[in-house]
Amino acid sequence: MGQSSGTVRRVAVLMGGFSAEREVSLSTGRGCADALRGEGYEVIEVDAGPDLAERLTELRPDAVFNALHGRWGEDGCVQGMLEWLKIPYTHSGVLASALAMDKQRSKAAYESAGLPVAPSLIRPKAEVMAGHVMQPPYVVKPNNEGSSVGIYLVHEDANGPPQLSEAMPANVLVEAYVPGRELTVTVLGNRALTVTDIITDGWYDYDAKYKPGGSRHVVPAEIPDEIFDLCLDYALHAHTALGCRGISRTDIRWDGSRGAKGLFLLETNTQPGMTPTSLTPEQAAAEGITFGQLCAMLVEDASCDR
């Protein structure tokens, strides 16, 4: 992934869509569209609706910048459509997108690559609400939706199982809770950029959503060198194990009381948020890559057969 080749001039930025993360996607898309214009590209903003294939066939862009988040945009669906239309696109391809979106299957891929994960299982929502399916503390979250749908922490001293919202899917992921710090690493091309320590106000009540309000980012993370380097290594291996392309961001929990054995991979995001204040552009900036340069690098890397 290097300097502009000059072959891509007309870029369609896909945003919005139908998922629970529509608003985040619109914010990401507008930010990326503005940045690409600043880099000299002709940019068309496309809110992905039912007529998306027809719109793109009419527009005939040189490349598509995929700024969609969540289902349909991040799970291999739109990637398959772009392959069918033979339009080069950014980020990961069909298989890597689908694999990363399914947390349990991506964890199996991590394990096969020798990467550490927290114990977890998939259970029907009704069963999880009826009684503890795992010794508390544990976390309940959707297996293939973004965190906007809801994440529940069941404390060690919880009186009963979590009462999940109607928005939660029929089957959910139940994962052993790893205490400690929330770390994240962006991989760009074949390079892990840096580690961010996400410091939040903490978890709310077991039956409340975990909300990112009040979080701050420490970049680079102020953690021991050994842990820092392991995070970079784990994220790069996760990116490779899933077959990701272009860019990804892997979230890691670190239980500092266990040293290097306290690191656990949670998930890899193949469509990380790309507003100028998001985690991934923040990491790129820390490594001397401007937001405009970052977006341009992704566009110049666009292809089919990803």
Protein backbone atom coordinates (compact mmCIF):
# COMPACT_ATOMS: atom_id res chain seq x y z
CA MET A 1 0.00 0.00 0.00
CA GLY A 2 1.86 3.06 -1.18
CA GLN A 3 1.50 6.34 -3.01
CA SER A 4 -1.36 7.10 -5.39
CA SER A 5 -1.03 5.25 -8.68
CA GLY A 6 -3.16 7.87 -10.39
CA THR A 7 -5.38 5.17 -11.93
CA VAL A 8 -8.26 5.70 -9.50
CA ARG A 9 -9.91 9.09 -9.89
CA ARG A 10 -13.65 8.51 -9.41
CA VAL A 11 -14.61 6.98 -6.06
CA ALA A 12 -18.04 5.98 -4.79
CA VAL A 13 -18.19 6.07 -0.98
CA LEU A 14 -20.79 3.59 0.30
CA MET A 15 -22.42 4.61 3.59
CA GLY A 16 -25.60 4.31 5.64
CA GLY A 17 -27.30 1.07 4.75
CA PHE A 18 -29.81 -0.89 6.83
CA SER A 19 -27.83 -2.07 9.86
CA ALA A 20 -28.12 -0.99 13.49
CA GLU A 21 -24.93 1.01 12.89
CA ARG A 22 -26.36 3.19 10.11
CA GLU A 23 -25.62 6.51 11.88
CA VAL A 24 -21.99 5.59 12.58
CA SER A 25 -21.63 4.57 8.94
CA LEU A 26 -23.03 7.90 7.69
CA SER A 27 -20.55 9.75 9.90
CA THR A 28 -17.67 7.56 8.70
CA GLY A 29 -18.71 7.94 5.05
CA ARG A 30 -19.00 11.71 5.09
CA GLY A 31 -15.65 12.07 6.81
CA CYS A 32 -13.93 9.77 4.31
CA ALA A 33 -15.61 11.46 1.34
CA ASP A 34 -14.37 14.88 2.48
CA ALA A 35 -10.87 13.51 3.08
CA LEU A 36 -10.73 11.89 -0.38
CA ARG A 37 -11.86 15.13 -2.03
CA GLY A 38 -9.02 16.82 -0.20
CA GLU A 39 -6.66 14.27 -1.78
CA GLY A 40 -7.90 15.17 -5.28
CA TYR A 41 -10.40 12.39 -5.97
CA GLU A 42 -13.79 12.84 -7.59
CA VAL A 43 -16.14 11.48 -4.93
CA ILE A 44 -19.78 10.41 -5.07
CA GLU A 45 -21.53 9.71 -1.74
CA VAL A 46 -23.92 6.75 -2.00
CA ASP A 47 -26.42 5.88 0.74
CA ALA A 48 -26.71 2.12 0.24
CA GLY A 49 -30.34 1.23 -0.45
CA PRO A 50 -32.19 -1.58 -2.27
CA ASP A 51 -31.15 -0.10 -5.64
CA LEU A 52 -27.42 -0.13 -4.82
CA ALA A 53 -26.41 -2.42 -7.71
CA GLU A 54 -28.26 -0.24 -10.22
CA ARG A 55 -26.78 2.97 -8.78
CA LEU A 56 -23.24 1.66 -9.02
CA THR A 57 -23.81 0.32 -12.54
CA GLU A 58 -24.92 3.82 -13.59
CA LEU A 59 -22.13 5.64 -11.74
CA ARG A 60 -19.33 3.36 -12.99
CA PRO A 61 -16.76 4.40 -10.36
CA ASP A 62 -13.09 3.42 -10.63
CA ALA A 63 -13.33 2.11 -7.07
CA VAL A 64 -15.73 1.82 -4.14
CA PHE A 65 -14.71 3.00 -0.69
CA ASN A 66 -16.73 0.81 1.68
CA ALA A 67 -17.76 2.91 4.68
CA LEU A 68 -20.65 0.63 5.70
CA HIS A 69 -20.79 -0.86 9.21
CA GLY A 70 -22.63 -3.86 10.59
CA ARG A 71 -24.71 -6.43 8.74
CA TRP A 72 -24.86 -6.39 4.93
CA GLY A 73 -21.96 -3.94 4.68
CA GLU A 74 -19.42 -5.69 6.87
CA ASP A 75 -20.37 -9.37 6.62
CA GLY A 76 -19.50 -10.24 3.02
CA CYS A 77 -22.86 -9.31 1.46
CA VAL A 78 -21.95 -6.04 -0.24
CA GLN A 79 -18.49 -7.43 -0.99
CA GLY A 80 -20.10 -10.26 -2.97
CA MET A 81 -22.21 -7.78 -4.90
CA LEU A 82 -19.13 -5.71 -5.76
CA GLU A 83 -17.32 -8.86 -6.94
CA TRP A 84 -20.35 -9.65 -9.13
CA LEU A 85 -20.27 -6.11 -10.60
CA LYS A 86 -16.46 -6.32 -10.98
CA ILE A 87 -15.94 -2.99 -9.19
CA PRO A 88 -12.68 -2.74 -7.18
CA TYR A 89 -13.39 -2.06 -3.50
CA THR A 90 -11.58 -1.31 -0.26
CA HIS A 91 -11.24 -3.28 2.98
CA SER A 92 -11.65 -7.05 3.28
CA GLY A 93 -13.19 -9.48 0.80
CA VAL A 94 -16.18 -11.80 1.07
CA LEU A 95 -14.74 -14.59 3.22
CA ALA A 96 -12.71 -12.47 5.65
CA SER A 97 -15.64 -10.09 6.15
CA ALA A 98 -18.08 -12.91 6.88
CA LEU A 99 -15.61 -14.70 9.15
CA ALA A 100 -14.69 -11.62 11.20
CA MET A 101 -18.36 -10.65 11.61
CA ASP A 102 -19.10 -14.03 13.24
CA LYS A 103 -17.35 -13.68 16.60
CA GLN A 104 -17.43 -17.38 17.48
CA ARG A 105 -16.04 -18.51 14.11
CA SER A 106 -13.37 -15.81 14.17
CA LYS A 107 -12.35 -17.01 17.64
CA ALA A 108 -11.97 -20.52 16.21
CA ALA A 109 -9.69 -19.06 13.52
CA TYR A 110 -7.66 -17.26 16.22
CA GLU A 111 -7.29 -20.48 18.21
CA SER A 112 -6.15 -22.41 15.14
CA ALA A 113 -3.46 -19.73 14.69
CA GLY A 114 -2.36 -20.15 18.31
CA LEU A 115 -3.86 -16.86 19.52
CA PRO A 116 -5.37 -16.57 23.03
CA VAL A 117 -9.16 -16.19 23.44
CA ALA A 118 -11.51 -16.17 26.42
CA PRO A 119 -13.79 -19.23 26.85
CA SER A 120 -17.18 -18.68 25.19
CA LEU A 121 -20.28 -20.43 23.90
CA ILE A 122 -23.34 -19.73 21.76
CA ARG A 123 -26.68 -20.23 23.50
CA PRO A 124 -30.34 -19.42 22.78
CA LYS A 125 -31.38 -16.05 24.21
CA ALA A 126 -34.20 -17.67 26.21
CA GLU A 127 -31.77 -20.10 27.85
CA VAL A 128 -29.38 -17.29 28.80
CA MET A 129 -32.26 -15.38 30.41
CA ALA A 130 -33.51 -18.46 32.26
CA GLY A 131 -30.36 -19.21 34.23
CA HIS A 132 -26.58 -18.80 34.32
CA VAL A 133 -25.08 -20.75 31.41
CA MET A 134 -21.57 -19.90 32.62
CA GLN A 135 -20.08 -19.12 36.01
CA PRO A 136 -20.21 -15.31 36.52
CA PRO A 137 -18.62 -12.94 35.75
CA TYR A 138 -19.38 -13.19 32.04
CA VAL A 139 -20.38 -11.01 29.10
CA VAL A 140 -23.37 -11.52 26.80
CA LYS A 141 -23.29 -9.97 23.32
CA PRO A 142 -24.60 -10.56 19.80
CA ASN A 143 -22.48 -13.00 17.83
CA ASN A 144 -22.75 -11.14 14.52
CA GLU A 145 -23.89 -7.58 15.20
CA GLY A 146 -22.02 -4.52 16.31
CA SER A 147 -21.97 -3.47 19.96
CA SER A 148 -24.73 -0.90 19.31
CA VAL A 149 -27.25 -3.75 19.77
CA GLY A 150 -26.13 -4.29 23.35
CA ILE A 151 -23.46 -5.82 25.57
CA TYR A 152 -24.30 -7.09 29.04
CA LEU A 153 -21.91 -7.77 31.90
CA VAL A 154 -23.10 -10.28 34.50
CA HIS A 155 -21.23 -9.56 37.73
CA GLU A 156 -19.76 -12.19 40.03
CA ASP A 157 -22.38 -11.42 42.68
CA ALA A 158 -25.33 -11.17 40.26
CA ASN A 159 -28.58 -12.44 41.80
CA GLY A 160 -29.82 -13.87 38.53
CA PRO A 161 -29.26 -14.11 34.79
CA PRO A 162 -29.39 -11.04 32.52
CA GLN A 163 -32.69 -9.85 31.09
CA LEU A 164 -31.81 -9.16 27.47
CA SER A 165 -33.53 -6.57 25.30
CA GLU A 166 -35.79 -7.48 22.39
CA ALA A 167 -33.11 -6.13 20.04
CA MET A 168 -30.79 -8.98 20.97
CA PRO A 169 -30.78 -11.89 18.47
CA ALA A 170 -32.28 -15.35 19.11
CA ASN A 171 -28.82 -16.83 19.77
CA VAL A 172 -26.17 -14.89 21.68
CA LEU A 173 -22.48 -15.19 22.53
CA VAL A 174 -21.66 -15.76 26.20
CA GLU A 175 -18.01 -15.08 27.00
CA ALA A 176 -15.97 -15.28 30.20
CA TYR A 177 -15.30 -11.74 31.42
CA VAL A 178 -11.64 -10.73 31.36
CA PRO A 179 -10.93 -7.99 33.92
CA GLY A 180 -8.41 -5.29 33.18
CA ARG A 181 -7.73 -3.01 30.27
CA GLU A 182 -9.30 -2.62 26.83
CA LEU A 183 -6.59 -2.38 24.18
CA THR A 184 -6.93 -2.09 20.41
CA VAL A 185 -4.55 -2.34 17.45
CA THR A 186 -5.02 -1.25 13.84
CA VAL A 187 -3.37 -3.22 11.05
CA LEU A 188 -2.81 -1.29 7.82
CA GLY A 189 -1.66 -3.40 4.89
CA ASN A 190 0.79 -5.77 6.55
CA ARG A 191 1.79 -3.48 9.41
CA ALA A 192 0.40 -3.20 12.94
CA LEU A 193 0.39 0.53 13.71
CA THR A 194 0.30 1.01 17.49
CA VAL A 195 -1.67 0.15 20.63
CA THR A 196 -4.44 2.31 22.11
CA ASP A 197 -5.57 1.97 25.72
CA ILE A 198 -9.32 2.74 25.88
CA ILE A 199 -10.10 4.10 29.33
CA THR A 200 -13.81 4.25 30.16
CA ASP A 201 -16.00 5.05 33.13
CA GLY A 202 -16.47 1.30 33.52
CA TRP A 203 -19.28 -1.19 33.18
CA TYR A 204 -22.80 -0.29 34.21
CA ASP A 205 -25.29 -2.56 35.95
CA TYR A 206 -25.39 -6.15 34.65
CA ASP A 207 -28.68 -5.53 32.81
CA ALA A 208 -27.55 -2.27 31.22
CA LYS A 209 -25.64 -1.76 28.03
CA TYR A 210 -21.97 -1.00 28.14
CA LYS A 211 -21.70 2.53 26.82
CA PRO A 212 -18.54 4.20 25.50
CA GLY A 213 -19.50 7.59 26.92
CA GLY A 214 -16.71 9.30 28.79
CA SER A 215 -14.00 7.14 27.26
CA ARG A 216 -10.57 8.52 26.48
CA HIS A 217 -7.80 7.08 24.36
CA VAL A 218 -4.16 6.82 25.38
CA VAL A 219 -2.04 6.50 22.20
CA PRO A 220 0.42 4.87 22.36
CA ALA A 221 -0.76 2.80 25.33
CA GLU A 222 1.36 3.17 28.46
CA ILE A 223 1.91 -0.54 29.03
CA PRO A 224 5.06 -2.69 29.37
CA ASP A 225 7.04 -3.13 26.14
CA GLU A 226 6.53 -6.89 26.19
CA ILE A 227 2.73 -6.50 26.31
CA PHE A 228 2.79 -3.72 23.70
CA ASP A 229 4.79 -5.86 21.26
CA LEU A 230 2.59 -8.90 21.89
CA CYS A 231 -0.52 -6.84 21.09
CA LEU A 232 1.01 -5.75 17.76
CA ASP A 233 1.99 -9.33 16.98
CA TYR A 234 -1.41 -10.77 17.94
CA ALA A 235 -3.32 -8.20 15.87
CA LEU A 236 -1.18 -8.84 12.80
CA HIS A 237 -1.65 -12.60 13.18
CA ALA A 238 -5.41 -12.15 13.66
CA HIS A 239 -5.57 -10.03 10.48
CA THR A 240 -3.70 -12.77 8.59
CA ALA A 241 -5.62 -15.69 10.13
CA LEU A 242 -8.94 -14.18 9.02
CA GLY A 243 -7.59 -13.22 5.59
CA CYS A 244 -8.24 -9.49 6.06
CA ARG A 245 -7.16 -6.92 3.49
CA GLY A 246 -6.52 -3.18 3.57
CA ILE A 247 -7.25 -2.37 7.17
CA SER A 248 -8.60 -4.01 10.34
CA ARG A 249 -8.74 -3.28 14.04
CA THR A 250 -8.44 -6.00 16.67
CA ASP A 251 -9.74 -5.51 20.22
CA ILE A 252 -7.84 -7.15 23.07
CA ARG A 253 -8.43 -7.42 26.84
CA TRP A 254 -5.45 -7.44 29.19
CA ASP A 255 -5.60 -8.72 32.76
CA GLY A 256 -2.43 -7.09 34.04
CA SER A 257 -2.27 -9.37 37.10
CA ARG A 258 -1.47 -12.28 34.76
CA GLY A 259 1.23 -10.56 32.72
CA ALA A 260 1.62 -11.85 29.15
CA LYS A 261 -0.81 -14.69 29.91
CA GLY A 262 -3.52 -12.11 30.63
CA LEU A 263 -3.98 -11.08 26.97
CA PHE A 264 -7.13 -12.29 25.17
CA LEU A 265 -8.37 -11.38 21.69
CA LEU A 266 -12.03 -10.34 21.56
CA GLU A 267 -12.77 -9.59 17.91
CA THR A 268 -11.44 -8.12 14.67
CA ASN A 269 -13.32 -5.27 13.02
CA THR A 270 -12.89 -5.26 9.23
CA GLN A 271 -14.71 -1.92 8.85
CA PRO A 272 -13.34 0.15 11.75
CA GLY A 273 -14.86 3.57 12.38
CA MET A 274 -13.22 6.19 10.18
CA THR A 275 -14.34 9.55 11.45
CA PRO A 276 -11.31 11.78 12.04
CA THR A 277 -11.60 11.19 15.81
CA SER A 278 -12.08 7.40 15.60
CA LEU A 279 -9.56 4.94 17.01
CA THR A 280 -8.06 3.87 13.67
CA PRO A 281 -7.35 7.35 12.20
CA GLU A 282 -6.03 8.35 15.64
CA GLN A 283 -3.54 5.48 15.50
CA ALA A 284 -2.56 6.36 11.93
CA ALA A 285 -1.97 9.99 13.00
CA ALA A 286 0.27 8.77 15.84
CA GLU A 287 2.34 7.02 13.16
CA GLY A 288 2.54 10.15 10.96
CA ILE A 289 -0.23 9.21 8.50
CA THR A 290 -2.84 11.94 7.94
CA PHE A 291 -6.54 11.10 7.65
CA GLY A 292 -6.48 12.01 3.96
CA GLN A 293 -3.43 9.84 3.33
CA LEU A 294 -5.06 6.94 5.17
CA CYS A 295 -8.22 7.11 3.04
CA ALA A 296 -6.16 7.46 -0.15
CA MET A 297 -4.03 4.43 0.76
CA LEU A 298 -7.18 2.33 1.12
CA VAL A 299 -8.55 3.53 -2.23
CA GLU A 300 -5.29 2.83 -4.05
CA ASP A 301 -5.32 -0.69 -2.57
CA ALA A 302 -8.87 -1.36 -3.88
CA SER A 303 -9.35 -4.49 -5.97
CA CYS A 304 -11.64 -7.41 -6.69
CA ASP A 305 -10.83 -11.01 -5.66
CA ARG A 306 -9.92 -9.88 -2.17
